[in-house]
Amino acid sequence: MHLIDDETIATRARALASPVRWRILRACMPEALTNKELADLLGVNPGSMLHHVRTLVAAGFLGPGEVRRGSRNAVEIPYRTTRLVWRAGRSAAGFGDYLMGSISADEPELGDADVFFTTVHADGERRDELKRRLRALLAEYEGGEERSWSVVISVRPTSDD
């Protein structure tokens, strides 16, 4: 078991202490978004958004993508939610579980959101088969002209095992 130091725990806890930061993490799960895109999407002042984004990057919950040029040749950095959110979900604080549980259909930016939770029982070959079949199912729906939907699947041991 890998233990993290108190300063890292404190940095991560501070980073997740703001509801705006949780909204940023959810928004950056399906696609990488720039500071400006996040500010527009979430209705937050761009200066405040920059502070929130930097805090999440410093804690490791957001990762920068490839720098690109935007309109008027401005430099833009898109950010994505990192896997740290899911690893943190195994802790007693349950960050990943909280992130998923806090998604609700009444958030205007999410539209018709649904959240499904279940527990399956599979080890070894059955677990590998489950993951292969989930990937194949999702691949059937990639591309196309219809409305896009974000699907997040976390296959990990439950905390009570």
N, C-alpha and C. Protein backbone atom coordinates (compact mmCIF):
# COMPACT_ATOMS: atom_id res chain seq x y z
N MET A 1 0.84 -1.19 0.00
CA MET A 1 0.00 0.00 0.00
C MET A 1 0.88 1.24 0.00
N HIS A 2 0.61 2.16 -0.91
CA HIS A 2 1.39 3.38 -1.04
C HIS A 2 0.75 4.49 -0.20
N LEU A 3 1.48 5.01 0.78
CA LEU A 3 0.97 6.09 1.61
C LEU A 3 1.45 7.42 1.06
N ILE A 4 0.59 8.42 1.11
CA ILE A 4 1.00 9.76 0.66
C ILE A 4 1.20 10.64 1.88
N ASP A 5 2.04 11.64 1.71
CA ASP A 5 2.39 12.50 2.83
C ASP A 5 1.25 13.47 3.16
N ASP A 6 1.32 14.03 4.36
CA ASP A 6 0.27 14.92 4.85
C ASP A 6 0.09 16.16 3.98
N GLU A 7 1.18 16.70 3.45
CA GLU A 7 1.09 17.90 2.61
C GLU A 7 0.32 17.61 1.32
N THR A 8 0.55 16.45 0.73
CA THR A 8 -0.18 16.06 -0.49
C THR A 8 -1.66 15.89 -0.18
N ILE A 9 -1.97 15.25 0.93
CA ILE A 9 -3.37 15.09 1.34
C ILE A 9 -4.02 16.45 1.53
N ALA A 10 -3.33 17.36 2.21
CA ALA A 10 -3.88 18.70 2.46
C ALA A 10 -4.08 19.46 1.15
N THR A 11 -3.12 19.37 0.23
CA THR A 11 -3.23 20.05 -1.07
C THR A 11 -4.44 19.53 -1.83
N ARG A 12 -4.60 18.22 -1.85
CA ARG A 12 -5.73 17.62 -2.56
C ARG A 12 -7.06 17.99 -1.91
N ALA A 13 -7.10 17.98 -0.60
CA ALA A 13 -8.33 18.33 0.11
C ALA A 13 -8.71 19.79 -0.16
N ARG A 14 -7.74 20.69 -0.14
CA ARG A 14 -8.01 22.11 -0.44
C ARG A 14 -8.51 22.26 -1.87
N ALA A 15 -7.92 21.50 -2.79
CA ALA A 15 -8.32 21.60 -4.19
C ALA A 15 -9.77 21.18 -4.39
N LEU A 16 -10.25 20.25 -3.59
CA LEU A 16 -11.61 19.75 -3.75
C LEU A 16 -12.61 20.41 -2.80
N ALA A 17 -12.17 21.47 -2.12
CA ALA A 17 -13.02 22.14 -1.15
C ALA A 17 -14.02 23.10 -1.78
N SER A 18 -13.92 23.33 -3.08
CA SER A 18 -14.79 24.28 -3.75
C SER A 18 -15.77 23.56 -4.69
N PRO A 19 -17.06 23.86 -4.59
CA PRO A 19 -18.03 23.27 -5.52
C PRO A 19 -17.73 23.61 -6.98
N VAL A 20 -17.17 24.78 -7.23
CA VAL A 20 -16.81 25.16 -8.60
C VAL A 20 -15.77 24.19 -9.15
N ARG A 21 -14.84 23.78 -8.32
CA ARG A 21 -13.80 22.86 -8.79
C ARG A 21 -14.37 21.48 -9.12
N TRP A 22 -15.37 21.04 -8.37
CA TRP A 22 -16.04 19.78 -8.71
C TRP A 22 -16.72 19.91 -10.07
N ARG A 23 -17.34 21.05 -10.33
CA ARG A 23 -17.99 21.27 -11.63
C ARG A 23 -16.96 21.28 -12.75
N ILE A 24 -15.79 21.85 -12.48
CA ILE A 24 -14.71 21.85 -13.48
C ILE A 24 -14.28 20.42 -13.78
N LEU A 25 -14.08 19.61 -12.75
CA LEU A 25 -13.67 18.22 -12.96
C LEU A 25 -14.70 17.45 -13.77
N ARG A 26 -15.98 17.66 -13.47
CA ARG A 26 -17.02 16.98 -14.25
C ARG A 26 -17.02 17.46 -15.69
N ALA A 27 -16.86 18.76 -15.90
CA ALA A 27 -16.89 19.31 -17.27
C ALA A 27 -15.71 18.81 -18.10
N CYS A 28 -14.57 18.58 -17.45
CA CYS A 28 -13.35 18.17 -18.18
C CYS A 28 -13.19 16.66 -18.27
N MET A 29 -14.19 15.90 -17.88
CA MET A 29 -14.11 14.44 -18.02
C MET A 29 -14.26 14.01 -19.47
N PRO A 30 -15.31 14.45 -20.16
CA PRO A 30 -15.50 13.94 -21.52
C PRO A 30 -14.62 14.60 -22.56
N GLU A 31 -14.14 15.81 -22.28
CA GLU A 31 -13.33 16.51 -23.27
C GLU A 31 -12.44 17.54 -22.59
N ALA A 32 -11.34 17.86 -23.25
CA ALA A 32 -10.42 18.88 -22.73
C ALA A 32 -11.01 20.26 -23.01
N LEU A 33 -11.00 21.12 -22.00
CA LEU A 33 -11.54 22.47 -22.14
C LEU A 33 -10.52 23.49 -21.68
N THR A 34 -10.52 24.64 -22.33
CA THR A 34 -9.62 25.73 -21.95
C THR A 34 -10.21 26.52 -20.80
N ASN A 35 -9.41 27.37 -20.21
CA ASN A 35 -9.86 28.25 -19.14
C ASN A 35 -11.07 29.08 -19.60
N LYS A 36 -10.99 29.64 -20.80
CA LYS A 36 -12.09 30.46 -21.33
C LYS A 36 -13.34 29.62 -21.55
N GLU A 37 -13.18 28.43 -22.12
CA GLU A 37 -14.34 27.56 -22.35
C GLU A 37 -15.00 27.18 -21.03
N LEU A 38 -14.18 26.90 -20.01
CA LEU A 38 -14.72 26.57 -18.70
C LEU A 38 -15.45 27.76 -18.08
N ALA A 39 -14.85 28.95 -18.18
CA ALA A 39 -15.47 30.15 -17.63
C ALA A 39 -16.82 30.41 -18.29
N ASP A 40 -16.89 30.26 -19.61
CA ASP A 40 -18.15 30.47 -20.33
C ASP A 40 -19.18 29.41 -19.96
N LEU A 41 -18.77 28.15 -19.93
CA LEU A 41 -19.67 27.04 -19.63
C LEU A 41 -20.26 27.14 -18.22
N LEU A 42 -19.41 27.48 -17.27
CA LEU A 42 -19.84 27.46 -15.86
C LEU A 42 -20.25 28.83 -15.34
N GLY A 43 -20.12 29.87 -16.18
CA GLY A 43 -20.53 31.21 -15.76
C GLY A 43 -19.66 31.78 -14.65
N VAL A 44 -18.35 31.55 -14.75
CA VAL A 44 -17.40 32.02 -13.73
C VAL A 44 -16.47 33.03 -14.38
N ASN A 45 -16.11 34.06 -13.64
CA ASN A 45 -15.16 35.07 -14.11
C ASN A 45 -13.88 34.39 -14.56
N PRO A 46 -13.32 34.74 -15.75
CA PRO A 46 -12.11 34.07 -16.24
C PRO A 46 -10.92 34.13 -15.27
N GLY A 47 -10.77 35.23 -14.54
CA GLY A 47 -9.68 35.33 -13.56
C GLY A 47 -9.86 34.34 -12.42
N SER A 48 -11.08 34.22 -11.93
CA SER A 48 -11.38 33.24 -10.88
C SER A 48 -11.21 31.82 -11.41
N MET A 49 -11.64 31.62 -12.66
CA MET A 49 -11.51 30.29 -13.26
C MET A 49 -10.04 29.89 -13.34
N LEU A 50 -9.19 30.83 -13.73
CA LEU A 50 -7.75 30.53 -13.82
C LEU A 50 -7.22 30.07 -12.47
N HIS A 51 -7.63 30.73 -11.40
CA HIS A 51 -7.20 30.33 -10.04
C HIS A 51 -7.67 28.90 -9.75
N HIS A 52 -8.93 28.59 -10.05
CA HIS A 52 -9.46 27.25 -9.79
C HIS A 52 -8.72 26.19 -10.61
N VAL A 53 -8.49 26.49 -11.89
CA VAL A 53 -7.79 25.54 -12.76
C VAL A 53 -6.38 25.30 -12.26
N ARG A 54 -5.67 26.35 -11.92
CA ARG A 54 -4.29 26.20 -11.42
C ARG A 54 -4.26 25.38 -10.14
N THR A 55 -5.23 25.57 -9.27
CA THR A 55 -5.30 24.81 -8.02
C THR A 55 -5.49 23.32 -8.31
N LEU A 56 -6.38 23.00 -9.25
CA LEU A 56 -6.62 21.60 -9.61
C LEU A 56 -5.43 20.97 -10.32
N VAL A 57 -4.73 21.75 -11.14
CA VAL A 57 -3.52 21.26 -11.81
C VAL A 57 -2.44 20.98 -10.78
N ALA A 58 -2.24 21.90 -9.84
CA ALA A 58 -1.21 21.74 -8.81
C ALA A 58 -1.46 20.49 -7.95
N ALA A 59 -2.73 20.17 -7.74
CA ALA A 59 -3.07 18.99 -6.93
C ALA A 59 -3.06 17.71 -7.75
N GLY A 60 -2.97 17.83 -9.08
CA GLY A 60 -2.92 16.65 -9.94
C GLY A 60 -4.27 16.17 -10.45
N PHE A 61 -5.35 16.89 -10.16
CA PHE A 61 -6.68 16.47 -10.59
C PHE A 61 -7.00 16.88 -12.02
N LEU A 62 -6.31 17.90 -12.53
CA LEU A 62 -6.46 18.33 -13.93
C LEU A 62 -5.09 18.25 -14.58
N GLY A 63 -5.06 17.86 -15.83
CA GLY A 63 -3.81 17.80 -16.58
C GLY A 63 -3.90 18.65 -17.84
N PRO A 64 -2.84 19.39 -18.15
CA PRO A 64 -2.85 20.21 -19.36
C PRO A 64 -2.65 19.36 -20.61
N GLY A 65 -3.30 19.76 -21.68
CA GLY A 65 -3.14 19.11 -22.97
C GLY A 65 -2.15 19.87 -23.82
N GLU A 66 -2.16 19.59 -25.12
CA GLU A 66 -1.27 20.27 -26.06
C GLU A 66 -1.68 21.73 -26.20
N VAL A 67 -0.71 22.62 -26.12
CA VAL A 67 -0.96 24.04 -26.33
C VAL A 67 -1.42 24.24 -27.76
N ARG A 68 -2.42 25.08 -27.95
CA ARG A 68 -2.94 25.35 -29.29
C ARG A 68 -3.18 26.85 -29.46
N ARG A 69 -3.42 27.25 -30.68
CA ARG A 69 -3.73 28.65 -30.99
C ARG A 69 -5.22 28.79 -31.17
N GLY A 70 -5.79 29.77 -30.48
CA GLY A 70 -7.22 30.02 -30.59
C GLY A 70 -7.50 31.18 -31.51
N SER A 71 -8.69 31.75 -31.35
CA SER A 71 -9.03 32.91 -32.16
C SER A 71 -8.07 34.06 -31.84
N ARG A 72 -7.81 34.85 -32.82
CA ARG A 72 -6.86 35.97 -32.69
C ARG A 72 -5.47 35.50 -32.30
N ASN A 73 -5.17 34.25 -32.61
CA ASN A 73 -3.84 33.67 -32.39
C ASN A 73 -3.45 33.59 -30.90
N ALA A 74 -4.44 33.61 -30.02
CA ALA A 74 -4.17 33.51 -28.59
C ALA A 74 -3.72 32.09 -28.24
N VAL A 75 -2.83 31.97 -27.27
CA VAL A 75 -2.37 30.66 -26.81
C VAL A 75 -3.43 30.09 -25.86
N GLU A 76 -3.85 28.85 -26.12
CA GLU A 76 -4.84 28.18 -25.29
C GLU A 76 -4.29 26.84 -24.82
N ILE A 77 -4.62 26.51 -23.57
CA ILE A 77 -4.24 25.21 -23.02
C ILE A 77 -5.53 24.50 -22.59
N PRO A 78 -5.84 23.38 -23.23
CA PRO A 78 -7.02 22.62 -22.80
C PRO A 78 -6.64 21.69 -21.64
N TYR A 79 -7.58 21.46 -20.74
CA TYR A 79 -7.35 20.63 -19.55
C TYR A 79 -8.34 19.48 -19.51
N ARG A 80 -7.86 18.32 -19.00
CA ARG A 80 -8.71 17.14 -18.81
C ARG A 80 -8.59 16.68 -17.37
N THR A 81 -9.66 16.10 -16.87
CA THR A 81 -9.64 15.47 -15.55
C THR A 81 -8.70 14.27 -15.62
N THR A 82 -7.84 14.12 -14.63
CA THR A 82 -6.87 13.02 -14.62
C THR A 82 -7.44 11.81 -13.89
N ARG A 83 -6.72 10.71 -13.98
CA ARG A 83 -7.14 9.48 -13.31
C ARG A 83 -6.99 9.56 -11.79
N LEU A 84 -6.32 10.60 -11.31
CA LEU A 84 -6.16 10.75 -9.86
C LEU A 84 -7.52 10.79 -9.17
N VAL A 85 -8.52 11.36 -9.82
CA VAL A 85 -9.86 11.42 -9.22
C VAL A 85 -10.34 10.02 -8.88
N TRP A 86 -10.10 9.06 -9.78
CA TRP A 86 -10.58 7.70 -9.54
C TRP A 86 -9.74 7.00 -8.49
N ARG A 87 -8.43 7.23 -8.48
CA ARG A 87 -7.59 6.63 -7.45
C ARG A 87 -7.96 7.20 -6.09
N ALA A 88 -8.27 8.49 -6.05
CA ALA A 88 -8.67 9.11 -4.79
C ALA A 88 -9.98 8.52 -4.30
N GLY A 89 -10.80 8.00 -5.21
CA GLY A 89 -12.07 7.41 -4.83
C GLY A 89 -11.92 6.17 -3.97
N ARG A 90 -10.72 5.58 -3.95
CA ARG A 90 -10.48 4.40 -3.11
C ARG A 90 -10.17 4.80 -1.68
N SER A 91 -9.95 6.09 -1.43
CA SER A 91 -9.61 6.53 -0.08
C SER A 91 -10.87 6.61 0.77
N ALA A 92 -10.67 6.83 2.05
CA ALA A 92 -11.81 6.95 2.96
C ALA A 92 -12.67 8.15 2.60
N ALA A 93 -12.05 9.18 1.99
CA ALA A 93 -12.81 10.37 1.61
C ALA A 93 -13.75 10.09 0.44
N GLY A 94 -13.46 9.08 -0.38
CA GLY A 94 -14.34 8.70 -1.47
C GLY A 94 -14.52 9.77 -2.52
N PHE A 95 -13.45 10.45 -2.93
CA PHE A 95 -13.57 11.55 -3.88
C PHE A 95 -14.22 11.13 -5.19
N GLY A 96 -13.81 10.01 -5.74
CA GLY A 96 -14.39 9.55 -7.00
C GLY A 96 -15.86 9.23 -6.86
N ASP A 97 -16.23 8.59 -5.75
CA ASP A 97 -17.63 8.28 -5.51
C ASP A 97 -18.44 9.56 -5.35
N TYR A 98 -17.88 10.54 -4.65
CA TYR A 98 -18.57 11.82 -4.49
C TYR A 98 -18.75 12.51 -5.84
N LEU A 99 -17.72 12.47 -6.66
CA LEU A 99 -17.78 13.11 -7.97
C LEU A 99 -18.92 12.51 -8.78
N MET A 100 -19.01 11.21 -8.84
CA MET A 100 -20.08 10.57 -9.60
C MET A 100 -21.43 10.77 -8.95
N GLY A 101 -21.48 10.69 -7.64
CA GLY A 101 -22.75 10.85 -6.95
C GLY A 101 -23.31 12.25 -7.00
N SER A 102 -22.46 13.24 -7.23
CA SER A 102 -22.92 14.61 -7.26
C SER A 102 -23.46 15.02 -8.62
N ILE A 103 -23.35 14.15 -9.61
CA ILE A 103 -23.92 14.46 -10.93
C ILE A 103 -25.42 14.29 -10.83
N SER A 104 -26.14 15.30 -11.23
CA SER A 104 -27.60 15.19 -11.21
C SER A 104 -28.19 15.78 -12.48
N ALA A 105 -29.35 15.34 -12.83
CA ALA A 105 -29.99 15.76 -14.07
C ALA A 105 -30.47 17.20 -14.01
N ASP A 106 -30.48 17.83 -12.84
CA ASP A 106 -31.00 19.18 -12.77
C ASP A 106 -29.94 20.25 -13.03
N GLU A 107 -28.71 19.86 -13.38
CA GLU A 107 -27.69 20.83 -13.73
C GLU A 107 -27.84 21.19 -15.20
N PRO A 108 -28.10 22.46 -15.51
CA PRO A 108 -28.40 22.85 -16.88
C PRO A 108 -27.32 22.48 -17.88
N GLU A 109 -26.05 22.54 -17.49
CA GLU A 109 -24.99 22.23 -18.46
C GLU A 109 -24.91 20.75 -18.79
N LEU A 110 -25.55 19.90 -17.98
CA LEU A 110 -25.52 18.47 -18.25
C LEU A 110 -26.72 17.99 -19.04
N GLY A 111 -27.81 18.73 -19.02
CA GLY A 111 -28.99 18.31 -19.77
C GLY A 111 -29.59 17.04 -19.19
N ASP A 112 -29.90 16.08 -20.05
CA ASP A 112 -30.57 14.85 -19.65
C ASP A 112 -29.58 13.82 -19.11
N ALA A 113 -28.96 14.10 -17.99
CA ALA A 113 -27.96 13.19 -17.43
C ALA A 113 -28.61 12.07 -16.63
N ASP A 114 -28.05 10.89 -16.73
CA ASP A 114 -28.45 9.75 -15.92
C ASP A 114 -27.21 9.18 -15.27
N VAL A 115 -27.35 8.72 -14.04
CA VAL A 115 -26.24 8.10 -13.34
C VAL A 115 -26.67 6.69 -12.95
N PHE A 116 -25.84 5.72 -13.27
CA PHE A 116 -26.13 4.33 -12.95
C PHE A 116 -24.99 3.79 -12.09
N PHE A 117 -25.35 3.13 -11.01
CA PHE A 117 -24.37 2.47 -10.15
C PHE A 117 -24.73 1.01 -10.03
N THR A 118 -23.76 0.16 -10.01
CA THR A 118 -23.99 -1.25 -9.74
C THR A 118 -22.69 -1.87 -9.26
N THR A 119 -22.79 -3.03 -8.69
CA THR A 119 -21.61 -3.79 -8.30
C THR A 119 -21.68 -5.13 -9.03
N VAL A 120 -20.59 -5.52 -9.65
CA VAL A 120 -20.54 -6.81 -10.33
C VAL A 120 -19.50 -7.67 -9.62
N HIS A 121 -19.60 -8.97 -9.80
CA HIS A 121 -18.67 -9.90 -9.17
C HIS A 121 -17.91 -10.64 -10.26
N ALA A 122 -16.62 -10.35 -10.38
CA ALA A 122 -15.80 -10.98 -11.42
C ALA A 122 -14.33 -10.80 -11.07
N ASP A 123 -13.56 -11.84 -11.24
CA ASP A 123 -12.12 -11.78 -11.04
C ASP A 123 -11.43 -12.39 -12.25
N GLY A 124 -10.17 -12.08 -12.39
CA GLY A 124 -9.35 -12.70 -13.42
C GLY A 124 -9.94 -12.60 -14.81
N GLU A 125 -10.18 -13.75 -15.43
CA GLU A 125 -10.67 -13.80 -16.80
C GLU A 125 -12.06 -13.17 -16.95
N ARG A 126 -12.93 -13.36 -15.96
CA ARG A 126 -14.27 -12.76 -16.04
C ARG A 126 -14.18 -11.24 -15.99
N ARG A 127 -13.29 -10.69 -15.17
CA ARG A 127 -13.10 -9.23 -15.12
C ARG A 127 -12.55 -8.72 -16.45
N ASP A 128 -11.58 -9.43 -17.00
CA ASP A 128 -11.01 -9.04 -18.30
C ASP A 128 -12.07 -9.08 -19.39
N GLU A 129 -12.92 -10.11 -19.37
CA GLU A 129 -14.01 -10.23 -20.34
C GLU A 129 -15.00 -9.08 -20.18
N LEU A 130 -15.33 -8.71 -18.95
CA LEU A 130 -16.23 -7.59 -18.69
C LEU A 130 -15.66 -6.31 -19.31
N LYS A 131 -14.40 -6.04 -19.06
CA LYS A 131 -13.79 -4.82 -19.60
C LYS A 131 -13.76 -4.85 -21.13
N ARG A 132 -13.45 -6.01 -21.72
CA ARG A 132 -13.41 -6.12 -23.18
C ARG A 132 -14.80 -5.86 -23.77
N ARG A 133 -15.82 -6.44 -23.17
CA ARG A 133 -17.18 -6.27 -23.68
C ARG A 133 -17.68 -4.83 -23.52
N LEU A 134 -17.33 -4.19 -22.41
CA LEU A 134 -17.71 -2.79 -22.23
C LEU A 134 -17.06 -1.90 -23.29
N ARG A 135 -15.76 -2.13 -23.54
CA ARG A 135 -15.07 -1.35 -24.58
C ARG A 135 -15.72 -1.58 -25.95
N ALA A 136 -16.05 -2.82 -26.26
CA ALA A 136 -16.67 -3.14 -27.55
C ALA A 136 -18.03 -2.47 -27.68
N LEU A 137 -18.82 -2.49 -26.61
CA LEU A 137 -20.13 -1.86 -26.64
C LEU A 137 -20.00 -0.36 -26.89
N LEU A 138 -19.12 0.29 -26.17
CA LEU A 138 -18.95 1.74 -26.34
C LEU A 138 -18.42 2.07 -27.73
N ALA A 139 -17.56 1.23 -28.28
CA ALA A 139 -17.02 1.46 -29.62
C ALA A 139 -18.11 1.46 -30.68
N GLU A 140 -19.19 0.71 -30.45
CA GLU A 140 -20.31 0.68 -31.39
C GLU A 140 -20.98 2.04 -31.54
N TYR A 141 -20.86 2.89 -30.53
CA TYR A 141 -21.55 4.18 -30.52
C TYR A 141 -20.63 5.37 -30.81
N GLU A 142 -19.37 5.13 -31.08
CA GLU A 142 -18.44 6.22 -31.39
C GLU A 142 -18.74 6.77 -32.77
N GLY A 143 -18.51 8.07 -32.95
CA GLY A 143 -18.75 8.71 -34.24
C GLY A 143 -20.24 8.95 -34.45
N GLY A 144 -20.60 9.34 -35.64
CA GLY A 144 -22.00 9.56 -35.96
C GLY A 144 -22.38 11.03 -35.88
N GLU A 145 -23.59 11.30 -36.27
CA GLU A 145 -24.08 12.68 -36.34
C GLU A 145 -25.02 13.04 -35.19
N GLU A 146 -25.44 12.06 -34.39
CA GLU A 146 -26.37 12.33 -33.31
C GLU A 146 -25.70 13.15 -32.20
N ARG A 147 -26.51 13.56 -31.23
CA ARG A 147 -26.02 14.27 -30.06
C ARG A 147 -24.99 13.40 -29.35
N SER A 148 -23.89 14.01 -28.90
CA SER A 148 -22.86 13.23 -28.20
C SER A 148 -23.19 13.15 -26.71
N TRP A 149 -22.79 12.04 -26.10
CA TRP A 149 -23.02 11.78 -24.68
C TRP A 149 -21.71 11.33 -24.05
N SER A 150 -21.44 11.79 -22.88
CA SER A 150 -20.27 11.36 -22.14
C SER A 150 -20.65 10.13 -21.32
N VAL A 151 -19.83 9.10 -21.39
CA VAL A 151 -20.06 7.88 -20.62
C VAL A 151 -18.79 7.62 -19.82
N VAL A 152 -18.92 7.51 -18.52
CA VAL A 152 -17.78 7.23 -17.65
C VAL A 152 -18.02 5.91 -16.97
N ILE A 153 -17.08 4.99 -17.12
CA ILE A 153 -17.18 3.68 -16.47
C ILE A 153 -15.91 3.49 -15.65
N SER A 154 -16.07 3.20 -14.39
CA SER A 154 -14.94 2.94 -13.53
C SER A 154 -15.01 1.50 -13.07
N VAL A 155 -14.05 0.69 -13.51
CA VAL A 155 -14.00 -0.70 -13.09
C VAL A 155 -12.87 -0.79 -12.07
N ARG A 156 -13.24 -0.91 -10.82
CA ARG A 156 -12.27 -0.94 -9.74
C ARG A 156 -12.86 -1.72 -8.58
N PRO A 157 -12.01 -2.25 -7.71
CA PRO A 157 -12.54 -2.98 -6.55
C PRO A 157 -13.37 -2.06 -5.67
N THR A 158 -14.42 -2.58 -5.07
CA THR A 158 -15.20 -1.78 -4.13
C THR A 158 -14.41 -1.64 -2.85
N SER A 159 -14.71 -0.59 -2.10
CA SER A 159 -13.94 -0.31 -0.89
C SER A 159 -14.17 -1.35 0.21
N ASP A 160 -15.26 -2.11 0.12
CA ASP A 160 -15.54 -3.07 1.19
C ASP A 160 -15.01 -4.48 0.88
N ASP A 161 -14.25 -4.64 -0.20
CA ASP A 161 -13.66 -5.96 -0.52
C ASP A 161 -12.30 -6.11 0.12
